[in-house]
All heavy atoms as atom14 arrays in JSON, in Angstrom:
{
  "sequence": "SLLLRDLIEETLTHADGIDPEVLAEIRRYAKLFWVNNGPHSAL",
  "atom14_mask": [
    [1, 1, 1, 1, 1, 1, 0, 0, 0, 0, 0, 0, 0, 0],
    [1, 1, 1, 1, 1, 1, 1, 1, 0, 0, 0, 0, 0, 0],
    [1, 1, 1, 1, 1, 1, 1, 1, 0, 0, 0, 0, 0, 0],
    [1, 1, 1, 1, 1, 1, 1, 1, 0, 0, 0, 0, 0, 0],
    [1, 1, 1, 1, 1, 1, 1, 1, 1, 1, 1, 0, 0, 0],
    [1, 1, 1, 1, 1, 1, 1, 1, 0, 0, 0, 0, 0, 0],
    [1, 1, 1, 1, 1, 1, 1, 1, 0, 0, 0, 0, 0, 0],
    [1, 1, 1, 1, 1, 1, 1, 1, 0, 0, 0, 0, 0, 0],
    [1, 1, 1, 1, 1, 1, 1, 1, 1, 0, 0, 0, 0, 0],
    [1, 1, 1, 1, 1, 1, 1, 1, 1, 0, 0, 0, 0, 0],
    [1, 1, 1, 1, 1, 1, 1, 0, 0, 0, 0, 0, 0, 0],
    [1, 1, 1, 1, 1, 1, 1, 1, 0, 0, 0, 0, 0, 0],
    [1, 1, 1, 1, 1, 1, 1, 0, 0, 0, 0, 0, 0, 0],
    [1, 1, 1, 1, 1, 1, 1, 1, 1, 1, 0, 0, 0, 0],
    [1, 1, 1, 1, 1, 0, 0, 0, 0, 0, 0, 0, 0, 0],
    [1, 1, 1, 1, 1, 1, 1, 1, 0, 0, 0, 0, 0, 0],
    [1, 1, 1, 1, 0, 0, 0, 0, 0, 0, 0, 0, 0, 0],
    [1, 1, 1, 1, 1, 1, 1, 1, 0, 0, 0, 0, 0, 0],
    [1, 1, 1, 1, 1, 1, 1, 1, 0, 0, 0, 0, 0, 0],
    [1, 1, 1, 1, 1, 1, 1, 0, 0, 0, 0, 0, 0, 0],
    [1, 1, 1, 1, 1, 1, 1, 1, 1, 0, 0, 0, 0, 0],
    [1, 1, 1, 1, 1, 1, 1, 0, 0, 0, 0, 0, 0, 0],
    [1, 1, 1, 1, 1, 1, 1, 1, 0, 0, 0, 0, 0, 0],
    [1, 1, 1, 1, 1, 0, 0, 0, 0, 0, 0, 0, 0, 0],
    [1, 1, 1, 1, 1, 1, 1, 1, 1, 0, 0, 0, 0, 0],
    [1, 1, 1, 1, 1, 1, 1, 1, 0, 0, 0, 0, 0, 0],
    [1, 1, 1, 1, 1, 1, 1, 1, 1, 1, 1, 0, 0, 0],
    [1, 1, 1, 1, 1, 1, 1, 1, 1, 1, 1, 0, 0, 0],
    [1, 1, 1, 1, 1, 1, 1, 1, 1, 1, 1, 1, 0, 0],
    [1, 1, 1, 1, 1, 0, 0, 0, 0, 0, 0, 0, 0, 0],
    [1, 1, 1, 1, 1, 1, 1, 1, 1, 0, 0, 0, 0, 0],
    [1, 1, 1, 1, 1, 1, 1, 1, 0, 0, 0, 0, 0, 0],
    [1, 1, 1, 1, 1, 1, 1, 1, 1, 1, 1, 0, 0, 0],
    [1, 1, 1, 1, 1, 1, 1, 1, 1, 1, 1, 1, 1, 1],
    [1, 1, 1, 1, 1, 1, 1, 0, 0, 0, 0, 0, 0, 0],
    [1, 1, 1, 1, 1, 1, 1, 1, 0, 0, 0, 0, 0, 0],
    [1, 1, 1, 1, 1, 1, 1, 1, 0, 0, 0, 0, 0, 0],
    [1, 1, 1, 1, 0, 0, 0, 0, 0, 0, 0, 0, 0, 0],
    [1, 1, 1, 1, 1, 1, 1, 0, 0, 0, 0, 0, 0, 0],
    [1, 1, 1, 1, 1, 1, 1, 1, 1, 1, 0, 0, 0, 0],
    [1, 1, 1, 1, 1, 1, 0, 0, 0, 0, 0, 0, 0, 0],
    [1, 1, 1, 1, 1, 0, 0, 0, 0, 0, 0, 0, 0, 0],
    [1, 1, 1, 1, 1, 1, 1, 1, 0, 0, 0, 0, 0, 0]
  ],
  "atom14_positions": [
    [[0.79, -1.18, -0.01], [0.0, 0.02, -0.01], [0.85, 1.3, -0.01], [0.52, 2.2, -0.7], [-0.97, 0.02, 1.2], [-2.08, -0.87, 0.99], [0.0, 0.0, 0.0], [0.0, 0.0, 0.0], [0.0, 0.0, 0.0], [0.0, 0.0, 0.0], [0.0, 0.0, 0.0], [0.0, 0.0, 0.0], [0.0, 0.0, 0.0], [0.0, 0.0, 0.0]],
    [[1.86, 1.32, 0.77], [2.66, 2.5, 0.88], [3.41, 2.77, -0.46], [3.47, 3.93, -0.91], [3.64, 2.52, 2.0], [3.0, 2.58, 3.39], [4.13, 2.38, 4.47], [2.23, 3.75, 3.6], [0.0, 0.0, 0.0], [0.0, 0.0, 0.0], [0.0, 0.0, 0.0], [0.0, 0.0, 0.0], [0.0, 0.0, 0.0], [0.0, 0.0, 0.0]],
    [[3.85, 1.79, -1.15], [4.45, 1.89, -2.46], [3.44, 2.32, -3.46], [3.71, 3.24, -4.28], [5.07, 0.54, -2.87], [5.65, 0.5, -4.25], [6.77, 1.5, -4.44], [6.19, -0.95, -4.52], [0.0, 0.0, 0.0], [0.0, 0.0, 0.0], [0.0, 0.0, 0.0], [0.0, 0.0, 0.0], [0.0, 0.0, 0.0], [0.0, 0.0, 0.0]],
    [[2.23, 1.75, -3.36], [1.14, 2.24, -4.31], [0.78, 3.66, -4.14], [0.6, 4.4, -5.03], [-0.07, 1.41, -4.07], [-0.11, -0.09, -4.54], [-1.34, -0.8, -4.07], [0.15, -0.19, -6.0], [0.0, 0.0, 0.0], [0.0, 0.0, 0.0], [0.0, 0.0, 0.0], [0.0, 0.0, 0.0], [0.0, 0.0, 0.0], [0.0, 0.0, 0.0]],
    [[0.79, 4.13, -2.8], [0.42, 5.44, -2.54], [1.52, 6.42, -3.15], [1.15, 7.43, -3.77], [0.27, 5.72, -1.05], [-0.24, 7.09, -0.75], [-0.26, 7.33, 0.77], [1.09, 7.52, 1.28], [1.39, 7.53, 2.59], [0.45, 7.51, 3.45], [2.65, 7.61, 3.04], [0.0, 0.0, 0.0], [0.0, 0.0, 0.0], [0.0, 0.0, 0.0]],
    [[2.71, 6.08, -2.92], [3.79, 6.92, -3.51], [3.66, 7.0, -5.0], [3.82, 8.08, -5.65], [5.16, 6.37, -3.15], [5.54, 6.6, -1.65], [4.82, 7.45, -0.99], [6.42, 6.0, -1.14], [0.0, 0.0, 0.0], [0.0, 0.0, 0.0], [0.0, 0.0, 0.0], [0.0, 0.0, 0.0], [0.0, 0.0, 0.0], [0.0, 0.0, 0.0]],
    [[3.44, 5.86, -5.6], [3.4, 5.79, -7.05], [2.23, 6.68, -7.6], [2.32, 7.46, -8.53], [3.24, 4.37, -7.56], [3.07, 4.1, -9.02], [4.33, 4.5, -9.77], [2.67, 2.58, -9.27], [0.0, 0.0, 0.0], [0.0, 0.0, 0.0], [0.0, 0.0, 0.0], [0.0, 0.0, 0.0], [0.0, 0.0, 0.0], [0.0, 0.0, 0.0]],
    [[1.04, 6.51, -6.95], [-0.18, 7.26, -7.44], [-0.07, 8.75, -7.14], [-0.33, 9.55, -8.01], [-1.44, 6.65, -6.73], [-1.64, 5.23, -7.14], [-2.66, 7.43, -7.04], [-1.92, 5.03, -8.65], [0.0, 0.0, 0.0], [0.0, 0.0, 0.0], [0.0, 0.0, 0.0], [0.0, 0.0, 0.0], [0.0, 0.0, 0.0], [0.0, 0.0, 0.0]],
    [[0.36, 9.09, -5.9], [0.41, 10.54, -5.55], [1.49, 11.17, -6.32], [1.33, 12.44, -6.7], [0.67, 10.64, -4.05], [-0.55, 10.18, -3.24], [-0.46, 10.47, -1.74], [0.6, 10.92, -1.3], [-1.4, 10.21, -0.98], [0.0, 0.0, 0.0], [0.0, 0.0, 0.0], [0.0, 0.0, 0.0], [0.0, 0.0, 0.0], [0.0, 0.0, 0.0]],
    [[2.6, 10.54, -6.61], [3.62, 11.29, -7.41], [3.12, 11.47, -8.76], [3.43, 12.47, -9.38], [4.87, 10.37, -7.36], [5.76, 10.46, -6.15], [6.35, 11.87, -5.96], [6.99, 12.37, -6.85], [6.2, 12.52, -4.88], [0.0, 0.0, 0.0], [0.0, 0.0, 0.0], [0.0, 0.0, 0.0], [0.0, 0.0, 0.0], [0.0, 0.0, 0.0]],
    [[2.38, 10.55, -9.36], [1.81, 10.7, -10.6], [0.81, 11.82, -10.65], [0.84, 12.7, -11.58], [1.09, 9.31, -11.12], [2.11, 8.37, -11.07], [0.56, 9.54, -12.54], [0.0, 0.0, 0.0], [0.0, 0.0, 0.0], [0.0, 0.0, 0.0], [0.0, 0.0, 0.0], [0.0, 0.0, 0.0], [0.0, 0.0, 0.0], [0.0, 0.0, 0.0]],
    [[-0.05, 11.97, -9.63], [-1.05, 12.99, -9.65], [-0.43, 14.36, -9.47], [-0.99, 15.39, -10.03], [-2.05, 12.76, -8.44], [-3.01, 11.61, -8.66], [-3.89, 11.44, -7.33], [-4.01, 11.82, -9.83], [0.0, 0.0, 0.0], [0.0, 0.0, 0.0], [0.0, 0.0, 0.0], [0.0, 0.0, 0.0], [0.0, 0.0, 0.0], [0.0, 0.0, 0.0]],
    [[0.6, 14.44, -8.74], [1.29, 15.75, -8.55], [2.3, 16.16, -9.54], [2.93, 17.18, -9.52], [1.95, 15.81, -7.15], [2.82, 14.69, -6.98], [0.9, 15.81, -6.03], [0.0, 0.0, 0.0], [0.0, 0.0, 0.0], [0.0, 0.0, 0.0], [0.0, 0.0, 0.0], [0.0, 0.0, 0.0], [0.0, 0.0, 0.0], [0.0, 0.0, 0.0]],
    [[2.47, 15.29, -10.63], [3.39, 15.62, -11.73], [2.63, 15.24, -13.0], [3.14, 14.41, -13.8], [4.7, 14.89, -11.64], [5.47, 15.25, -10.43], [5.29, 14.71, -9.16], [6.57, 16.14, -10.33], [6.12, 15.27, -8.3], [6.87, 16.13, -8.95], [0.0, 0.0, 0.0], [0.0, 0.0, 0.0], [0.0, 0.0, 0.0], [0.0, 0.0, 0.0]],
    [[1.42, 15.78, -13.21], [0.49, 15.26, -14.22], [0.53, 15.96, -15.55], [-0.32, 15.62, -16.41], [-0.92, 15.34, -13.6], [0.0, 0.0, 0.0], [0.0, 0.0, 0.0], [0.0, 0.0, 0.0], [0.0, 0.0, 0.0], [0.0, 0.0, 0.0], [0.0, 0.0, 0.0], [0.0, 0.0, 0.0], [0.0, 0.0, 0.0], [0.0, 0.0, 0.0]],
    [[1.39, 16.95, -15.74], [1.39, 17.61, -16.99], [1.55, 16.58, -18.19], [2.5, 15.84, -18.13], [2.45, 18.7, -17.07], [2.21, 19.87, -16.19], [1.0, 19.9, -15.72], [3.1, 20.66, -16.02], [0.0, 0.0, 0.0], [0.0, 0.0, 0.0], [0.0, 0.0, 0.0], [0.0, 0.0, 0.0], [0.0, 0.0, 0.0], [0.0, 0.0, 0.0]],
    [[0.7, 16.75, -19.18], [0.87, 15.9, -20.34], [0.24, 14.53, -20.28], [0.25, 13.83, -21.32], [0.0, 0.0, 0.0], [0.0, 0.0, 0.0], [0.0, 0.0, 0.0], [0.0, 0.0, 0.0], [0.0, 0.0, 0.0], [0.0, 0.0, 0.0], [0.0, 0.0, 0.0], [0.0, 0.0, 0.0], [0.0, 0.0, 0.0], [0.0, 0.0, 0.0]],
    [[-0.32, 14.19, -19.2], [-1.01, 12.85, -19.04], [-2.31, 12.87, -19.72], [-3.09, 13.83, -19.5], [-1.13, 12.38, -17.57], [0.26, 12.2, -16.91], [-1.89, 11.16, -17.39], [0.29, 11.89, -15.43], [0.0, 0.0, 0.0], [0.0, 0.0, 0.0], [0.0, 0.0, 0.0], [0.0, 0.0, 0.0], [0.0, 0.0, 0.0], [0.0, 0.0, 0.0]],
    [[-2.66, 11.86, -20.39], [-4.01, 11.73, -21.08], [-5.13, 12.04, -20.04], [-5.14, 11.4, -18.94], [-4.16, 10.36, -21.68], [-5.5, 10.2, -22.38], [-6.55, 9.93, -21.66], [-5.56, 10.4, -23.58], [0.0, 0.0, 0.0], [0.0, 0.0, 0.0], [0.0, 0.0, 0.0], [0.0, 0.0, 0.0], [0.0, 0.0, 0.0], [0.0, 0.0, 0.0]],
    [[-6.0, 12.95, -20.36], [-7.04, 13.36, -19.33], [-7.87, 12.19, -18.85], [-8.27, 12.11, -17.66], [-7.88, 14.44, -20.08], [-6.94, 14.98, -21.11], [-6.05, 13.82, -21.52], [0.0, 0.0, 0.0], [0.0, 0.0, 0.0], [0.0, 0.0, 0.0], [0.0, 0.0, 0.0], [0.0, 0.0, 0.0], [0.0, 0.0, 0.0], [0.0, 0.0, 0.0]],
    [[-8.25, 11.26, -19.73], [-9.12, 10.15, -19.38], [-8.27, 9.22, -18.41], [-8.85, 8.68, -17.41], [-9.59, 9.41, -20.53], [-10.6, 10.18, -21.37], [-11.23, 9.3, -22.52], [-10.94, 8.02, -22.48], [-11.99, 9.87, -23.29], [0.0, 0.0, 0.0], [0.0, 0.0, 0.0], [0.0, 0.0, 0.0], [0.0, 0.0, 0.0], [0.0, 0.0, 0.0]],
    [[-7.05, 8.96, -18.67], [-6.24, 8.17, -17.78], [-6.02, 8.84, -16.51], [-6.08, 8.19, -15.43], [-4.88, 7.81, -18.5], [-4.0, 6.97, -17.56], [-5.09, 7.05, -19.85], [0.0, 0.0, 0.0], [0.0, 0.0, 0.0], [0.0, 0.0, 0.0], [0.0, 0.0, 0.0], [0.0, 0.0, 0.0], [0.0, 0.0, 0.0], [0.0, 0.0, 0.0]],
    [[-5.82, 10.14, -16.53], [-5.54, 10.88, -15.3], [-6.79, 10.82, -14.35], [-6.74, 10.7, -13.18], [-5.15, 12.27, -15.62], [-4.78, 13.18, -14.38], [-3.61, 12.61, -13.63], [-4.55, 14.6, -14.82], [0.0, 0.0, 0.0], [0.0, 0.0, 0.0], [0.0, 0.0, 0.0], [0.0, 0.0, 0.0], [0.0, 0.0, 0.0], [0.0, 0.0, 0.0]],
    [[-8.01, 10.96, -15.03], [-9.24, 10.84, -14.22], [-9.41, 9.48, -13.61], [-9.84, 9.38, -12.49], [-10.39, 11.18, -15.16], [0.0, 0.0, 0.0], [0.0, 0.0, 0.0], [0.0, 0.0, 0.0], [0.0, 0.0, 0.0], [0.0, 0.0, 0.0], [0.0, 0.0, 0.0], [0.0, 0.0, 0.0], [0.0, 0.0, 0.0], [0.0, 0.0, 0.0]],
    [[-8.99, 8.46, -14.32], [-9.09, 7.09, -13.75], [-8.12, 6.92, -12.6], [-8.49, 6.33, -11.62], [-8.84, 6.06, -14.84], [-8.69, 4.63, -14.38], [-9.94, 4.19, -13.44], [-10.94, 4.79, -13.57], [-9.71, 3.24, -12.71], [0.0, 0.0, 0.0], [0.0, 0.0, 0.0], [0.0, 0.0, 0.0], [0.0, 0.0, 0.0], [0.0, 0.0, 0.0]],
    [[-6.87, 7.45, -12.73], [-5.94, 7.37, -11.65], [-6.47, 8.12, -10.44], [-6.31, 7.67, -9.28], [-4.58, 7.91, -12.09], [-3.99, 7.07, -13.19], [-3.58, 8.06, -10.88], [-2.81, 7.62, -13.87], [0.0, 0.0, 0.0], [0.0, 0.0, 0.0], [0.0, 0.0, 0.0], [0.0, 0.0, 0.0], [0.0, 0.0, 0.0], [0.0, 0.0, 0.0]],
    [[-7.07, 9.21, -10.65], [-7.68, 10.04, -9.57], [-8.81, 9.31, -8.9], [-9.0, 9.3, -7.66], [-8.07, 11.43, -10.05], [-8.75, 12.32, -8.91], [-8.71, 13.7, -9.37], [-7.47, 14.46, -9.22], [-6.61, 14.8, -10.16], [-7.02, 14.69, -11.46], [-5.52, 15.51, -9.88], [0.0, 0.0, 0.0], [0.0, 0.0, 0.0], [0.0, 0.0, 0.0]],
    [[-9.67, 8.62, -9.71], [-10.69, 7.83, -9.09], [-10.14, 6.7, -8.15], [-10.64, 6.55, -7.07], [-11.58, 7.16, -10.2], [-12.69, 6.29, -9.67], [-13.25, 5.36, -10.73], [-12.17, 4.32, -11.06], [-12.01, 3.12, -10.34], [-12.87, 2.9, -9.35], [-11.1, 2.3, -10.65], [0.0, 0.0, 0.0], [0.0, 0.0, 0.0], [0.0, 0.0, 0.0]],
    [[-9.12, 6.03, -8.71], [-8.57, 4.99, -7.88], [-7.92, 5.54, -6.67], [-8.06, 4.95, -5.56], [-7.49, 4.27, -8.73], [-6.65, 3.19, -8.0], [-7.15, 1.89, -7.98], [-5.51, 3.45, -7.47], [-6.51, 0.83, -7.35], [-4.77, 2.43, -6.77], [-5.25, 1.19, -6.73], [-4.53, 0.18, -6.09], [0.0, 0.0, 0.0], [0.0, 0.0, 0.0]],
    [[-7.21, 6.71, -6.75], [-6.63, 7.35, -5.56], [-7.61, 7.67, -4.51], [-7.39, 7.49, -3.35], [-5.86, 8.59, -6.05], [0.0, 0.0, 0.0], [0.0, 0.0, 0.0], [0.0, 0.0, 0.0], [0.0, 0.0, 0.0], [0.0, 0.0, 0.0], [0.0, 0.0, 0.0], [0.0, 0.0, 0.0], [0.0, 0.0, 0.0], [0.0, 0.0, 0.0]],
    [[-8.8, 8.2, -4.95], [-9.78, 8.56, -3.95], [-10.3, 7.31, -3.22], [-10.47, 7.41, -1.95], [-10.99, 9.29, -4.63], [-10.62, 10.67, -5.14], [-11.75, 11.25, -5.94], [-11.42, 12.68, -6.45], [-12.46, 13.25, -7.32], [0.0, 0.0, 0.0], [0.0, 0.0, 0.0], [0.0, 0.0, 0.0], [0.0, 0.0, 0.0], [0.0, 0.0, 0.0]],
    [[-10.53, 6.26, -3.83], [-10.9, 5.02, -3.22], [-9.8, 4.51, -2.27], [-10.04, 4.04, -1.15], [-11.2, 3.94, -4.23], [-12.49, 4.18, -5.07], [-12.62, 3.04, -6.11], [-13.74, 4.18, -4.2], [0.0, 0.0, 0.0], [0.0, 0.0, 0.0], [0.0, 0.0, 0.0], [0.0, 0.0, 0.0], [0.0, 0.0, 0.0], [0.0, 0.0, 0.0]],
    [[-8.57, 4.66, -2.74], [-7.41, 4.3, -1.87], [-7.39, 5.16, -0.64], [-7.2, 4.59, 0.5], [-6.11, 4.47, -2.75], [-4.86, 4.07, -2.0], [-4.25, 2.88, -2.34], [-4.26, 4.85, -0.93], [-3.07, 2.44, -1.7], [-3.1, 4.47, -0.37], [-2.45, 3.2, -0.7], [0.0, 0.0, 0.0], [0.0, 0.0, 0.0], [0.0, 0.0, 0.0]],
    [[-7.49, 6.43, -0.7], [-7.44, 7.31, 0.47], [-8.64, 7.02, 1.44], [-8.36, 6.99, 2.64], [-7.56, 8.81, -0.01], [-6.34, 9.26, -0.71], [-5.05, 8.89, -0.49], [-6.28, 10.18, -1.88], [-4.15, 9.53, -1.35], [-4.91, 10.32, -2.17], [-7.27, 10.84, -2.59], [-4.51, 11.15, -3.26], [-6.81, 11.73, -3.59], [-5.52, 11.86, -3.98]],
    [[-9.8, 6.88, 0.92], [-10.96, 6.54, 1.79], [-10.74, 5.3, 2.54], [-11.02, 5.17, 3.76], [-12.27, 6.49, 1.0], [-13.36, 5.91, 1.74], [-12.7, 7.84, 0.45], [0.0, 0.0, 0.0], [0.0, 0.0, 0.0], [0.0, 0.0, 0.0], [0.0, 0.0, 0.0], [0.0, 0.0, 0.0], [0.0, 0.0, 0.0], [0.0, 0.0, 0.0]],
    [[-10.19, 4.31, 1.9], [-10.07, 2.94, 2.41], [-8.69, 2.62, 3.06], [-8.49, 1.46, 3.51], [-10.47, 1.89, 1.4], [-11.85, 1.97, 0.98], [-12.82, 1.67, 1.76], [-12.13, 2.4, -0.27], [0.0, 0.0, 0.0], [0.0, 0.0, 0.0], [0.0, 0.0, 0.0], [0.0, 0.0, 0.0], [0.0, 0.0, 0.0], [0.0, 0.0, 0.0]],
    [[-7.8, 3.52, 3.08], [-6.4, 3.3, 3.54], [-5.73, 2.14, 2.77], [-5.02, 1.36, 3.38], [-6.46, 3.04, 5.07], [-6.68, 4.2, 5.89], [-5.95, 5.16, 5.88], [-7.84, 4.24, 6.67], [0.0, 0.0, 0.0], [0.0, 0.0, 0.0], [0.0, 0.0, 0.0], [0.0, 0.0, 0.0], [0.0, 0.0, 0.0], [0.0, 0.0, 0.0]],
    [[-5.96, 2.05, 1.48], [-5.37, 1.09, 0.77], [-6.29, 0.65, -0.38], [-7.43, 1.18, -0.44], [0.0, 0.0, 0.0], [0.0, 0.0, 0.0], [0.0, 0.0, 0.0], [0.0, 0.0, 0.0], [0.0, 0.0, 0.0], [0.0, 0.0, 0.0], [0.0, 0.0, 0.0], [0.0, 0.0, 0.0], [0.0, 0.0, 0.0], [0.0, 0.0, 0.0]],
    [[-5.89, -0.36, -1.14], [-6.68, -0.77, -2.25], [-7.96, -1.57, -1.92], [-8.88, -1.69, -2.76], [-5.78, -1.56, -3.15], [-4.71, -2.1, -2.2], [-4.64, -1.09, -1.17], [0.0, 0.0, 0.0], [0.0, 0.0, 0.0], [0.0, 0.0, 0.0], [0.0, 0.0, 0.0], [0.0, 0.0, 0.0], [0.0, 0.0, 0.0], [0.0, 0.0, 0.0]],
    [[-8.03, -2.08, -0.65], [-9.2, -2.86, -0.34], [-10.25, -2.1, 0.44], [-9.88, -1.28, 1.26], [-8.68, -4.05, 0.57], [-7.73, -4.95, -0.14], [-6.35, -4.73, -0.09], [-7.95, -6.15, -0.78], [-5.76, -5.7, -0.77], [-6.65, -6.57, -1.2], [0.0, 0.0, 0.0], [0.0, 0.0, 0.0], [0.0, 0.0, 0.0], [0.0, 0.0, 0.0]],
    [[-11.48, -2.36, 0.1], [-12.57, -1.64, 0.76], [-12.67, -1.86, 2.23], [-12.51, -3.02, 2.69], [-13.9, -2.15, 0.08], [-15.05, -1.69, 0.83], [0.0, 0.0, 0.0], [0.0, 0.0, 0.0], [0.0, 0.0, 0.0], [0.0, 0.0, 0.0], [0.0, 0.0, 0.0], [0.0, 0.0, 0.0], [0.0, 0.0, 0.0], [0.0, 0.0, 0.0]],
    [[-12.88, -0.83, 2.93], [-13.05, -0.94, 4.42], [-14.34, -1.6, 4.74], [-14.5, -2.1, 5.9], [-13.09, 0.53, 5.04], [0.0, 0.0, 0.0], [0.0, 0.0, 0.0], [0.0, 0.0, 0.0], [0.0, 0.0, 0.0], [0.0, 0.0, 0.0], [0.0, 0.0, 0.0], [0.0, 0.0, 0.0], [0.0, 0.0, 0.0], [0.0, 0.0, 0.0]],
    [[-15.28, -1.7, 3.83], [-16.57, -2.31, 4.14], [-16.69, -3.68, 3.7], [-17.13, -4.58, 4.51], [-17.75, -1.39, 3.37], [-19.14, -1.61, 3.96], [-19.18, -1.01, 5.42], [-20.07, -0.84, 3.08], [0.0, 0.0, 0.0], [0.0, 0.0, 0.0], [0.0, 0.0, 0.0], [0.0, 0.0, 0.0], [0.0, 0.0, 0.0], [0.0, 0.0, 0.0]]
  ]
}
């Protein structure tokens, strides 16, 4: 999880030139990650 977070957050904060649709999907995944403290659902 910590490696995934670094990978995702570094991508989001250096996003110039990234395809908008791909960036939107990375952001969707990141929000779920942040809410759940990792890739797995808290529920």
